[in-house]
Amino acid sequence: MCLPQLFEIKVFKEKHHSWFINQSVQSGGLLHFATPMDPLFLLLHYLIKADKEGKYQPLDQVVVD
């Protein structure tokens, strides 16, 4: 079964750098790096904020800006 995943994309943009990738050297300082991310990290800010306001709240009231 193929489940959807969330990825964090980091872009390294260096003016005068090269990268070692496998057995080759890539010139140009631009590198895109993708790492899997747990979606719960997106809710962490809201859960910390809800803890300060009171512990028992419905989810639709917790996840509000």
N, C-alpha and C. Protein backbone atom coordinates (compact mmCIF):
# COMPACT_ATOMS: atom_id res chain seq x y z
N MET A 1 0.85 -1.17 0.00
CA MET A 1 0.00 0.00 0.00
C MET A 1 0.90 1.24 0.00
N CYS A 2 0.58 2.18 -0.84
CA CYS A 2 1.36 3.42 -0.94
C CYS A 2 0.65 4.53 -0.17
N LEU A 3 1.25 4.95 0.94
CA LEU A 3 0.68 6.02 1.75
C LEU A 3 1.32 7.35 1.38
N PRO A 4 0.55 8.43 1.38
CA PRO A 4 1.15 9.74 1.09
C PRO A 4 2.13 10.13 2.20
N GLN A 5 3.19 10.80 1.81
CA GLN A 5 4.20 11.23 2.76
C GLN A 5 4.40 12.73 2.66
N LEU A 6 4.84 13.30 3.75
CA LEU A 6 5.16 14.72 3.81
C LEU A 6 6.68 14.85 3.86
N PHE A 7 7.22 15.72 3.02
CA PHE A 7 8.67 15.91 2.97
C PHE A 7 9.01 17.36 3.27
N GLU A 8 10.12 17.54 3.95
CA GLU A 8 10.69 18.87 4.14
C GLU A 8 11.76 19.05 3.08
N ILE A 9 11.70 20.15 2.36
CA ILE A 9 12.66 20.44 1.30
C ILE A 9 13.61 21.53 1.79
N LYS A 10 14.89 21.22 1.78
CA LYS A 10 15.91 22.21 2.10
C LYS A 10 16.69 22.50 0.83
N VAL A 11 16.95 23.76 0.60
CA VAL A 11 17.72 24.17 -0.56
C VAL A 11 19.00 24.83 -0.09
N PHE A 12 20.11 24.30 -0.53
CA PHE A 12 21.41 24.89 -0.23
C PHE A 12 21.86 25.62 -1.49
N LYS A 13 22.02 26.91 -1.38
CA LYS A 13 22.45 27.71 -2.53
C LYS A 13 23.73 28.43 -2.15
N GLU A 14 24.83 27.89 -2.60
CA GLU A 14 26.13 28.45 -2.32
C GLU A 14 26.72 28.98 -3.63
N LYS A 15 27.43 30.07 -3.55
CA LYS A 15 27.93 30.70 -4.76
C LYS A 15 29.14 29.96 -5.34
N HIS A 16 30.08 29.57 -4.51
CA HIS A 16 31.32 28.97 -5.01
C HIS A 16 31.57 27.61 -4.35
N HIS A 17 30.65 26.68 -4.53
CA HIS A 17 30.80 25.35 -3.93
C HIS A 17 30.45 24.25 -4.92
N SER A 18 30.96 23.08 -4.63
CA SER A 18 30.61 21.86 -5.36
C SER A 18 30.19 20.81 -4.34
N TRP A 19 29.47 19.80 -4.82
CA TRP A 19 28.95 18.76 -3.93
C TRP A 19 29.44 17.40 -4.41
N PHE A 20 29.81 16.53 -3.46
CA PHE A 20 30.14 15.15 -3.76
C PHE A 20 28.86 14.34 -3.68
N ILE A 21 28.40 13.80 -4.80
CA ILE A 21 27.20 12.98 -4.85
C ILE A 21 27.58 11.64 -5.47
N ASN A 22 27.44 10.58 -4.66
CA ASN A 22 27.90 9.24 -5.02
C ASN A 22 29.38 9.29 -5.38
N GLN A 23 29.74 8.94 -6.59
CA GLN A 23 31.14 8.91 -7.00
C GLN A 23 31.50 10.05 -7.94
N SER A 24 30.72 11.13 -7.93
CA SER A 24 31.01 12.24 -8.84
C SER A 24 30.96 13.57 -8.08
N VAL A 25 31.52 14.58 -8.69
CA VAL A 25 31.51 15.93 -8.15
C VAL A 25 30.58 16.77 -9.02
N GLN A 26 29.60 17.39 -8.39
CA GLN A 26 28.65 18.24 -9.11
C GLN A 26 29.01 19.69 -8.85
N SER A 27 29.30 20.42 -9.92
CA SER A 27 29.62 21.83 -9.75
C SER A 27 28.34 22.65 -9.69
N GLY A 28 28.45 23.87 -9.28
CA GLY A 28 27.27 24.70 -9.08
C GLY A 28 26.82 24.53 -7.64
N GLY A 29 26.50 25.59 -6.99
CA GLY A 29 26.24 25.53 -5.56
C GLY A 29 24.82 25.22 -5.16
N LEU A 30 23.95 24.78 -6.07
CA LEU A 30 22.55 24.55 -5.75
C LEU A 30 22.29 23.07 -5.50
N LEU A 31 21.72 22.78 -4.32
CA LEU A 31 21.40 21.40 -3.96
C LEU A 31 20.05 21.38 -3.26
N HIS A 32 19.14 20.54 -3.74
CA HIS A 32 17.84 20.34 -3.10
C HIS A 32 17.90 19.04 -2.32
N PHE A 33 17.49 19.09 -1.07
CA PHE A 33 17.60 17.94 -0.17
C PHE A 33 16.24 17.69 0.44
N ALA A 34 15.66 16.51 0.22
CA ALA A 34 14.32 16.18 0.73
C ALA A 34 14.44 15.13 1.83
N THR A 35 13.79 15.41 2.96
CA THR A 35 13.77 14.46 4.07
C THR A 35 12.33 14.22 4.49
N PRO A 36 11.97 12.98 4.83
CA PRO A 36 10.61 12.73 5.30
C PRO A 36 10.35 13.45 6.62
N MET A 37 9.12 13.88 6.81
CA MET A 37 8.76 14.64 8.00
C MET A 37 7.48 14.09 8.59
N ASP A 38 7.42 14.02 9.90
CA ASP A 38 6.22 13.56 10.59
C ASP A 38 5.21 14.70 10.62
N PRO A 39 3.98 14.52 10.14
CA PRO A 39 2.99 15.60 10.11
C PRO A 39 2.62 16.12 11.50
N LEU A 40 2.90 15.35 12.54
CA LEU A 40 2.59 15.81 13.89
C LEU A 40 3.41 17.04 14.28
N PHE A 41 4.56 17.24 13.65
CA PHE A 41 5.35 18.43 13.94
C PHE A 41 4.63 19.71 13.52
N LEU A 42 3.73 19.61 12.54
CA LEU A 42 2.95 20.78 12.14
C LEU A 42 1.94 21.17 13.20
N LEU A 43 1.48 20.20 13.98
CA LEU A 43 0.50 20.46 15.04
C LEU A 43 1.13 20.83 16.37
N LEU A 44 2.42 20.66 16.50
CA LEU A 44 3.08 20.86 17.78
C LEU A 44 2.87 22.27 18.33
N HIS A 45 2.98 23.28 17.50
CA HIS A 45 2.77 24.67 17.94
C HIS A 45 1.36 24.85 18.51
N TYR A 46 0.37 24.31 17.82
CA TYR A 46 -1.02 24.45 18.28
C TYR A 46 -1.26 23.70 19.59
N LEU A 47 -0.66 22.53 19.74
CA LEU A 47 -0.85 21.76 20.96
C LEU A 47 -0.20 22.43 22.16
N ILE A 48 0.95 23.05 21.97
CA ILE A 48 1.61 23.77 23.05
C ILE A 48 0.78 24.98 23.46
N LYS A 49 0.24 25.69 22.46
CA LYS A 49 -0.61 26.85 22.74
C LYS A 49 -1.89 26.43 23.45
N ALA A 50 -2.47 25.31 23.07
CA ALA A 50 -3.71 24.84 23.70
C ALA A 50 -3.46 24.41 25.14
N ASP A 51 -2.26 23.91 25.42
CA ASP A 51 -1.93 23.49 26.78
C ASP A 51 -1.93 24.69 27.73
N LYS A 52 -1.54 25.85 27.25
CA LYS A 52 -1.52 27.06 28.08
C LYS A 52 -2.93 27.57 28.34
N GLU A 53 -3.85 27.35 27.42
CA GLU A 53 -5.22 27.85 27.54
C GLU A 53 -6.13 26.89 28.30
N GLY A 54 -5.80 25.65 28.37
CA GLY A 54 -6.63 24.65 29.02
C GLY A 54 -6.48 23.33 28.30
N LYS A 55 -6.53 22.24 29.02
CA LYS A 55 -6.18 20.95 28.43
C LYS A 55 -7.28 20.33 27.57
N TYR A 56 -8.54 20.52 27.91
CA TYR A 56 -9.60 19.80 27.21
C TYR A 56 -10.35 20.75 26.29
N GLN A 57 -10.02 20.71 25.01
CA GLN A 57 -10.66 21.53 24.01
C GLN A 57 -10.89 20.70 22.76
N PRO A 58 -11.97 20.99 22.02
CA PRO A 58 -12.17 20.29 20.74
C PRO A 58 -11.07 20.65 19.74
N LEU A 59 -10.76 19.72 18.86
CA LEU A 59 -9.67 19.92 17.91
C LEU A 59 -9.92 21.12 17.01
N ASP A 60 -11.15 21.38 16.61
CA ASP A 60 -11.42 22.52 15.73
C ASP A 60 -11.18 23.86 16.43
N GLN A 61 -11.17 23.88 17.76
CA GLN A 61 -10.84 25.10 18.48
C GLN A 61 -9.33 25.22 18.74
N VAL A 62 -8.65 24.09 18.75
CA VAL A 62 -7.21 24.10 18.99
C VAL A 62 -6.44 24.55 17.77
N VAL A 63 -6.84 24.08 16.60
CA VAL A 63 -6.11 24.36 15.36
C VAL A 63 -6.72 25.58 14.68
N VAL A 64 -6.55 26.74 15.32
CA VAL A 64 -7.04 28.00 14.79
C VAL A 64 -5.97 29.05 14.99
N ASP A 65 -5.71 29.83 13.96
CA ASP A 65 -4.77 30.95 14.09
C ASP A 65 -5.47 32.17 14.60
